[in-house]
Amino acid sequence: MAPGEARSAATDDDGPRVAVADDAAFRFVYPATRERLRERATVVPFAPASGDDLPDCDGVYLPGGYPELHAEALAEGPALGSIADAAAEGTPVLGECGGLMALAETLTTADGETREMAGVLPATIERRERYQALDHVELRARRDALTAGAGDRLRGHEFHYSAADAAGDARFAFDVVRGTGIDGDRDGLTEHRTLGTYCHVHPESGAFDAFLDGL
């Protein structure tokens, strides 16, 4: 991806405004995902790890990346607190892998340092020395969710070194048909209108269309 490409925004003023995290902590996004978002929404990039606050928006997308390498900056910046407030007010928030980590309660780095994250999803995250999942993934929606209707299937991939310890009463949006997910059987922690998955899905799955339809 050419420098500056990730920073360009859509110009469809009639579409919803989607705040997309875009910095060193959130750098993994399928190019097709960016294109789909730009086709249907006004994309407003922001850089949480660089101190940006959450911009005015109708929805939030936190892509994958390396929040464990920027946990201190994320914890000290204003964006995660603003995302938590927006989530509590019902703003749709979608986090994939690194986004899931940032939406959790705490993130413990490989050095053993624990930082407060957004606290939207009832889980703690710990970065491990060895990768915890590497596979193609198929998920089946347990109920209507931010990115799928009940019974719908989504396909994607997962690759992460972190492990999530979800609360006993945590709600999951998906059963794992193939892959590891959050606990081997389930993926997609959900709270309010927020969804966090370890799975990265391709826009052709319909997941981002469903997300945008809900804004």
C-alpha atoms as a PDB file:
ATOM      1  CA  MET A   1       0.000   0.000   0.000  1.00  0.00           C
ATOM      2  CA  ALA A   2       1.459   3.317  -1.043  1.00  0.00           C
ATOM      3  CA  PRO A   3       2.158   5.900   1.653  1.00  0.00           C
ATOM      4  CA  GLY A   4      -0.856   8.114   2.127  1.00  0.00           C
ATOM      5  CA  GLU A   5      -3.318   5.671   0.544  1.00  0.00           C
ATOM      6  CA  ALA A   6      -4.621   4.576   3.916  1.00  0.00           C
ATOM      7  CA  ARG A   7      -5.298   8.186   4.816  1.00  0.00           C
ATOM      8  CA  SER A   8      -7.620   9.012   1.936  1.00  0.00           C
ATOM      9  CA  ALA A   9     -11.285   9.244   2.839  1.00  0.00           C
ATOM     10  CA  ALA A  10     -14.504   8.679   0.993  1.00  0.00           C
ATOM     11  CA  THR A  11     -16.438  11.646  -0.299  1.00  0.00           C
ATOM     12  CA  ASP A  12     -19.984  10.213  -0.262  1.00  0.00           C
ATOM     13  CA  ASP A  13     -21.587  12.874   1.906  1.00  0.00           C
ATOM     14  CA  ASP A  14     -24.894  10.995   1.841  1.00  0.00           C
ATOM     15  CA  GLY A  15     -23.426   7.889   3.443  1.00  0.00           C
ATOM     16  CA  PRO A  16     -22.689   7.220   7.095  1.00  0.00           C
ATOM     17  CA  ARG A  17     -19.436   8.380   8.650  1.00  0.00           C
ATOM     18  CA  VAL A  18     -17.225   5.484   9.712  1.00  0.00           C
ATOM     19  CA  ALA A  19     -14.218   6.196  11.923  1.00  0.00           C
ATOM     20  CA  VAL A  20     -11.429   3.778  10.934  1.00  0.00           C
ATOM     21  CA  ALA A  21      -8.379   3.404  13.166  1.00  0.00           C
ATOM     22  CA  ASP A  22      -5.308   3.791  10.985  1.00  0.00           C
ATOM     23  CA  ASP A  23      -1.872   3.889  12.556  1.00  0.00           C
ATOM     24  CA  ALA A  24       0.968   1.622  13.664  1.00  0.00           C
ATOM     25  CA  ALA A  25      -1.326  -0.190  16.121  1.00  0.00           C
ATOM     26  CA  PHE A  26      -4.070  -0.881  13.553  1.00  0.00           C
ATOM     27  CA  ARG A  27      -2.448  -1.470  10.207  1.00  0.00           C
ATOM     28  CA  PHE A  28      -3.871  -4.731   8.891  1.00  0.00           C
ATOM     29  CA  VAL A  29      -6.835  -4.151   6.567  1.00  0.00           C
ATOM     30  CA  TYR A  30      -7.694  -5.940   3.339  1.00  0.00           C
ATOM     31  CA  PRO A  31      -7.497  -3.397   0.481  1.00  0.00           C
ATOM     32  CA  ALA A  32     -10.913  -4.678  -0.620  1.00  0.00           C
ATOM     33  CA  THR A  33     -12.286  -3.765   2.805  1.00  0.00           C
ATOM     34  CA  ARG A  34     -11.106  -0.178   2.435  1.00  0.00           C
ATOM     35  CA  GLU A  35     -12.683  -0.051  -1.007  1.00  0.00           C
ATOM     36  CA  ARG A  36     -16.017  -1.408   0.230  1.00  0.00           C
ATOM     37  CA  LEU A  37     -16.146   1.071   3.084  1.00  0.00           C
ATOM     38  CA  ARG A  38     -15.325   3.956   0.741  1.00  0.00           C
ATOM     39  CA  GLU A  39     -18.011   2.860  -1.707  1.00  0.00           C
ATOM     40  CA  ARG A  40     -20.748   3.050   0.895  1.00  0.00           C
ATOM     41  CA  ALA A  41     -19.565   5.443   3.581  1.00  0.00           C
ATOM     42  CA  THR A  42     -17.442   8.437   4.393  1.00  0.00           C
ATOM     43  CA  VAL A  43     -14.289   6.978   5.905  1.00  0.00           C
ATOM     44  CA  VAL A  44     -12.748   9.164   8.612  1.00  0.00           C
ATOM     45  CA  PRO A  45      -9.257   7.881   9.540  1.00  0.00           C
ATOM     46  CA  PHE A  46      -7.893   8.489  13.014  1.00  0.00           C
ATOM     47  CA  ALA A  47      -4.732   7.416  14.822  1.00  0.00           C
ATOM     48  CA  PRO A  48      -5.434   6.294  18.413  1.00  0.00           C
ATOM     49  CA  ALA A  49      -1.812   5.335  19.122  1.00  0.00           C
ATOM     50  CA  SER A  50      -0.688   8.807  18.047  1.00  0.00           C
ATOM     51  CA  GLY A  51      -3.054  10.609  20.394  1.00  0.00           C
ATOM     52  CA  ASP A  52      -6.044  11.198  18.108  1.00  0.00           C
ATOM     53  CA  ASP A  53      -9.452  11.207  19.719  1.00  0.00           C
ATOM     54  CA  LEU A  54     -12.446   9.475  18.156  1.00  0.00           C
ATOM     55  CA  PRO A  55     -13.895  11.735  15.433  1.00  0.00           C
ATOM     56  CA  ASP A  56     -17.611  12.362  14.999  1.00  0.00           C
ATOM     57  CA  CYS A  57     -19.007   9.228  13.395  1.00  0.00           C
ATOM     58  CA  ASP A  58     -21.926   6.849  12.979  1.00  0.00           C
ATOM     59  CA  GLY A  59     -19.804   3.728  13.420  1.00  0.00           C
ATOM     60  CA  VAL A  60     -16.282   2.646  14.345  1.00  0.00           C
ATOM     61  CA  TYR A  61     -13.996   0.054  12.734  1.00  0.00           C
ATOM     62  CA  LEU A  62     -10.838  -1.056  14.547  1.00  0.00           C
ATOM     63  CA  PRO A  63      -8.806  -3.282  12.197  1.00  0.00           C
ATOM     64  CA  GLY A  64      -6.156  -5.806  13.085  1.00  0.00           C
ATOM     65  CA  GLY A  65      -2.630  -4.825  13.911  1.00  0.00           C
ATOM     66  CA  TYR A  66      -0.244  -4.630  16.834  1.00  0.00           C
ATOM     67  CA  PRO A  67      -1.871  -2.873  19.794  1.00  0.00           C
ATOM     68  CA  GLU A  68       0.389  -4.856  22.125  1.00  0.00           C
ATOM     69  CA  LEU A  69       3.342  -2.850  20.776  1.00  0.00           C
ATOM     70  CA  HIS A  70       1.539   0.425  21.477  1.00  0.00           C
ATOM     71  CA  ALA A  71      -0.412  -0.473  24.610  1.00  0.00           C
ATOM     72  CA  GLU A  72       0.984   2.401  26.687  1.00  0.00           C
ATOM     73  CA  ALA A  73       0.160   5.016  24.047  1.00  0.00           C
ATOM     74  CA  LEU A  74      -3.326   3.601  23.583  1.00  0.00           C
ATOM     75  CA  ALA A  75      -3.966   3.521  27.315  1.00  0.00           C
ATOM     76  CA  GLU A  76      -2.820   7.118  27.768  1.00  0.00           C
ATOM     77  CA  GLY A  77      -4.591   8.552  24.720  1.00  0.00           C
ATOM     78  CA  PRO A  78      -8.200   9.741  24.604  1.00  0.00           C
ATOM     79  CA  ALA A  79      -9.557   7.485  21.851  1.00  0.00           C
ATOM     80  CA  LEU A  80     -10.277   4.300  23.811  1.00  0.00           C
ATOM     81  CA  GLY A  81     -12.275   6.163  26.434  1.00  0.00           C
ATOM     82  CA  SER A  82     -14.264   7.916  23.728  1.00  0.00           C
ATOM     83  CA  ILE A  83     -14.899   4.606  21.967  1.00  0.00           C
ATOM     84  CA  ALA A  84     -16.161   3.140  25.243  1.00  0.00           C
ATOM     85  CA  ASP A  85     -18.536   6.078  25.682  1.00  0.00           C
ATOM     86  CA  ALA A  86     -19.768   5.782  22.102  1.00  0.00           C
ATOM     87  CA  ALA A  87     -20.287   2.038  22.469  1.00  0.00           C
ATOM     88  CA  ALA A  88     -22.305   2.518  25.660  1.00  0.00           C
ATOM     89  CA  GLU A  89     -24.503   4.996  23.801  1.00  0.00           C
ATOM     90  CA  GLY A  90     -25.224   2.422  21.087  1.00  0.00           C
ATOM     91  CA  THR A  91     -22.785   3.383  18.348  1.00  0.00           C
ATOM     92  CA  PRO A  92     -21.860   0.253  16.332  1.00  0.00           C
ATOM     93  CA  VAL A  93     -18.218  -0.674  16.917  1.00  0.00           C
ATOM     94  CA  LEU A  94     -16.468  -3.475  15.027  1.00  0.00           C
ATOM     95  CA  GLY A  95     -13.038  -4.745  16.061  1.00  0.00           C
ATOM     96  CA  GLU A  96     -11.039  -7.466  14.323  1.00  0.00           C
ATOM     97  CA  CYS A  97      -8.133  -9.163  16.138  1.00  0.00           C
ATOM     98  CA  GLY A  98      -6.126  -6.093  17.192  1.00  0.00           C
ATOM     99  CA  GLY A  99      -9.435  -4.262  17.416  1.00  0.00           C
ATOM    100  CA  LEU A 100     -10.762  -6.977  19.727  1.00  0.00           C
ATOM    101  CA  MET A 101      -7.696  -6.541  21.914  1.00  0.00           C
ATOM    102  CA  ALA A 102      -8.211  -2.784  22.157  1.00  0.00           C
ATOM    103  CA  LEU A 103     -11.891  -3.213  23.061  1.00  0.00           C
ATOM    104  CA  ALA A 104     -11.107  -5.603  25.930  1.00  0.00           C
ATOM    105  CA  GLU A 105     -10.661  -4.634  29.569  1.00  0.00           C
ATOM    106  CA  THR A 106      -6.884  -5.013  29.780  1.00  0.00           C
ATOM    107  CA  LEU A 107      -3.970  -5.980  27.561  1.00  0.00           C
ATOM    108  CA  THR A 108      -0.860  -7.637  28.994  1.00  0.00           C
ATOM    109  CA  THR A 109       2.201  -7.355  26.786  1.00  0.00           C
ATOM    110  CA  ALA A 110       4.947  -9.931  26.247  1.00  0.00           C
ATOM    111  CA  ASP A 111       6.987  -7.994  28.831  1.00  0.00           C
ATOM    112  CA  GLY A 112       4.305  -8.588  31.452  1.00  0.00           C
ATOM    113  CA  GLU A 113       3.026  -5.020  31.547  1.00  0.00           C
ATOM    114  CA  THR A 114      -0.752  -4.703  31.848  1.00  0.00           C
ATOM    115  CA  ARG A 115      -2.534  -1.684  30.413  1.00  0.00           C
ATOM    116  CA  GLU A 116      -6.154  -0.620  30.580  1.00  0.00           C
ATOM    117  CA  MET A 117      -7.941  -0.790  27.257  1.00  0.00           C
ATOM    118  CA  ALA A 118     -11.424   0.432  26.273  1.00  0.00           C
ATOM    119  CA  GLY A 119     -13.204  -1.984  28.615  1.00  0.00           C
ATOM    120  CA  VAL A 120     -16.172  -2.471  26.298  1.00  0.00           C
ATOM    121  CA  LEU A 121     -15.851  -6.243  25.970  1.00  0.00           C
ATOM    122  CA  PRO A 122     -15.655  -8.486  29.073  1.00  0.00           C
ATOM    123  CA  ALA A 123     -12.259 -10.089  28.511  1.00  0.00           C
ATOM    124  CA  THR A 124      -8.616  -9.701  29.383  1.00  0.00           C
ATOM    125  CA  ILE A 125      -5.945 -10.207  26.731  1.00  0.00           C
ATOM    126  CA  GLU A 126      -2.458 -11.596  27.146  1.00  0.00           C
ATOM    127  CA  ARG A 127       0.238 -11.598  24.489  1.00  0.00           C
ATOM    128  CA  ARG A 128       1.962 -15.020  24.296  1.00  0.00           C
ATOM    129  CA  GLU A 129       5.389 -15.967  22.962  1.00  0.00           C
ATOM    130  CA  ARG A 130       4.007 -18.490  20.461  1.00  0.00           C
ATOM    131  CA  TYR A 131       1.183 -17.928  18.023  1.00  0.00           C
ATOM    132  CA  GLN A 132      -2.183 -19.102  19.315  1.00  0.00           C
ATOM    133  CA  ALA A 133      -4.007 -19.521  16.010  1.00  0.00           C
ATOM    134  CA  LEU A 134      -3.170 -19.658  12.321  1.00  0.00           C
ATOM    135  CA  ASP A 135      -5.920 -20.946  10.063  1.00  0.00           C
ATOM    136  CA  HIS A 136      -8.706 -20.298   7.655  1.00  0.00           C
ATOM    137  CA  VAL A 137     -11.879 -19.697   9.622  1.00  0.00           C
ATOM    138  CA  GLU A 138     -15.574 -20.355   9.198  1.00  0.00           C
ATOM    139  CA  LEU A 139     -18.041 -18.900  11.684  1.00  0.00           C
ATOM    140  CA  ARG A 140     -21.785 -19.473  12.090  1.00  0.00           C
ATOM    141  CA  ALA A 141     -23.847 -16.694  13.693  1.00  0.00           C
ATOM    142  CA  ARG A 142     -25.591 -17.840  16.858  1.00  0.00           C
ATOM    143  CA  ARG A 143     -28.021 -14.905  16.625  1.00  0.00           C
ATOM    144  CA  ASP A 144     -28.349 -11.649  14.721  1.00  0.00           C
ATOM    145  CA  ALA A 145     -25.033  -9.847  15.047  1.00  0.00           C
ATOM    146  CA  LEU A 146     -23.344  -6.695  13.798  1.00  0.00           C
ATOM    147  CA  THR A 147     -21.896  -8.453  10.737  1.00  0.00           C
ATOM    148  CA  ALA A 148     -24.325 -11.331  10.105  1.00  0.00           C
ATOM    149  CA  GLY A 149     -27.864 -12.560  10.553  1.00  0.00           C
ATOM    150  CA  ALA A 150     -28.703 -15.573  12.696  1.00  0.00           C
ATOM    151  CA  GLY A 151     -27.459 -18.733  11.009  1.00  0.00           C
ATOM    152  CA  ASP A 152     -25.308 -16.904   8.457  1.00  0.00           C
ATOM    153  CA  ARG A 153     -21.778 -18.133   7.858  1.00  0.00           C
ATOM    154  CA  LEU A 154     -18.711 -15.942   7.495  1.00  0.00           C
ATOM    155  CA  ARG A 155     -15.299 -17.000   6.218  1.00  0.00           C
ATOM    156  CA  GLY A 156     -11.963 -15.391   6.872  1.00  0.00           C
ATOM    157  CA  HIS A 157      -8.638 -16.056   8.549  1.00  0.00           C
ATOM    158  CA  GLU A 158      -6.993 -15.734  11.936  1.00  0.00           C
ATOM    159  CA  PHE A 159      -3.383 -15.264  12.976  1.00  0.00           C
ATOM    160  CA  HIS A 160      -2.637 -14.007  16.451  1.00  0.00           C
ATOM    161  CA  TYR A 161      -0.193 -14.390  19.310  1.00  0.00           C
ATOM    162  CA  SER A 162      -2.569 -13.192  21.988  1.00  0.00           C
ATOM    163  CA  ALA A 163      -5.095 -15.158  24.045  1.00  0.00           C
ATOM    164  CA  ALA A 164      -8.378 -13.814  25.389  1.00  0.00           C
ATOM    165  CA  ASP A 165      -9.814 -14.800  28.755  1.00  0.00           C
ATOM    166  CA  ALA A 166     -13.514 -13.983  28.531  1.00  0.00           C
ATOM    167  CA  ALA A 167     -15.776 -13.515  31.539  1.00  0.00           C
ATOM    168  CA  GLY A 168     -18.049 -16.402  32.435  1.00  0.00           C
ATOM    169  CA  ASP A 169     -21.154 -14.458  31.451  1.00  0.00           C
ATOM    170  CA  ALA A 170     -19.683 -13.113  28.193  1.00  0.00           C
ATOM    171  CA  ARG A 171     -21.919 -13.263  25.136  1.00  0.00           C
ATOM    172  CA  PHE A 172     -20.594 -14.692  21.872  1.00  0.00           C
ATOM    173  CA  ALA A 173     -21.980 -13.952  18.428  1.00  0.00           C
ATOM    174  CA  PHE A 174     -20.524 -16.942  16.550  1.00  0.00           C
ATOM    175  CA  ASP A 175     -19.886 -20.660  16.810  1.00  0.00           C
ATOM    176  CA  VAL A 176     -16.590 -21.713  15.252  1.00  0.00           C
ATOM    177  CA  VAL A 177     -17.094 -24.221  12.441  1.00  0.00           C
ATOM    178  CA  ARG A 178     -13.426 -24.098  11.475  1.00  0.00           C
ATOM    179  CA  GLY A 179     -10.604 -22.381  13.321  1.00  0.00           C
ATOM    180  CA  THR A 180      -9.876 -21.432  16.913  1.00  0.00           C
ATOM    181  CA  GLY A 181     -11.742 -18.212  17.622  1.00  0.00           C
ATOM    182  CA  ILE A 182     -11.641 -16.892  21.156  1.00  0.00           C
ATOM    183  CA  ASP A 183     -12.048 -20.114  23.133  1.00  0.00           C
ATOM    184  CA  GLY A 184     -11.846 -22.892  20.557  1.00  0.00           C
ATOM    185  CA  ASP A 185     -15.602 -23.113  20.083  1.00  0.00           C
ATOM    186  CA  ARG A 186     -16.792 -19.518  19.897  1.00  0.00           C
ATOM    187  CA  ASP A 187     -15.765 -16.161  18.487  1.00  0.00           C
ATOM    188  CA  GLY A 188     -17.218 -12.676  18.446  1.00  0.00           C
ATOM    189  CA  LEU A 189     -17.577 -11.148  21.884  1.00  0.00           C
ATOM    190  CA  THR A 190     -20.521  -8.771  21.846  1.00  0.00           C
ATOM    191  CA  GLU A 191     -21.768  -6.020  24.135  1.00  0.00           C
ATOM    192  CA  HIS A 192     -24.126  -3.133  23.334  1.00  0.00           C
ATOM    193  CA  ARG A 193     -23.754  -2.884  19.534  1.00  0.00           C
ATOM    194  CA  THR A 194     -20.056  -3.734  19.708  1.00  0.00           C
ATOM    195  CA  LEU A 195     -18.488  -6.867  18.216  1.00  0.00           C
ATOM    196  CA  GLY A 196     -14.911  -8.060  18.576  1.00  0.00           C
ATOM    197  CA  THR A 197     -13.565 -11.122  16.748  1.00  0.00           C
ATOM    198  CA  TYR A 198     -10.213 -12.783  16.243  1.00  0.00           C
ATOM    199  CA  CYS A 199     -11.362 -13.569  12.706  1.00  0.00           C
ATOM    200  CA  HIS A 200     -10.545 -11.196   9.849  1.00  0.00           C
ATOM    201  CA  VAL A 201     -13.338 -11.443   7.280  1.00  0.00           C
ATOM    202  CA  HIS A 202     -13.211 -10.482   3.615  1.00  0.00           C
ATOM    203  CA  PRO A 203     -15.818  -7.944   2.458  1.00  0.00           C
ATOM    204  CA  GLU A 204     -17.178 -10.446  -0.083  1.00  0.00           C
ATOM    205  CA  SER A 205     -18.550 -12.357   2.922  1.00  0.00           C
ATOM    206  CA  GLY A 206     -21.123  -9.587   3.309  1.00  0.00           C
ATOM    207  CA  ALA A 207     -19.958  -8.762   6.827  1.00  0.00           C
ATOM    208  CA  PHE A 208     -19.109  -5.111   6.136  1.00  0.00           C
ATOM    209  CA  ASP A 209     -22.298  -4.582   4.184  1.00  0.00           C
ATOM    210  CA  ALA A 210     -24.246  -5.856   7.198  1.00  0.00           C
ATOM    211  CA  PHE A 211     -22.208  -3.528   9.450  1.00  0.00           C
ATOM    212  CA  LEU A 212     -22.916  -0.533   7.222  1.00  0.00           C
ATOM    213  CA  ASP A 213     -26.591  -1.423   6.870  1.00  0.00           C
ATOM    214  CA  GLY A 214     -26.888  -1.077  10.650  1.00  0.00           C
ATOM    215  CA  LEU A 215     -25.538   2.475  10.800  1.00  0.00           C
END
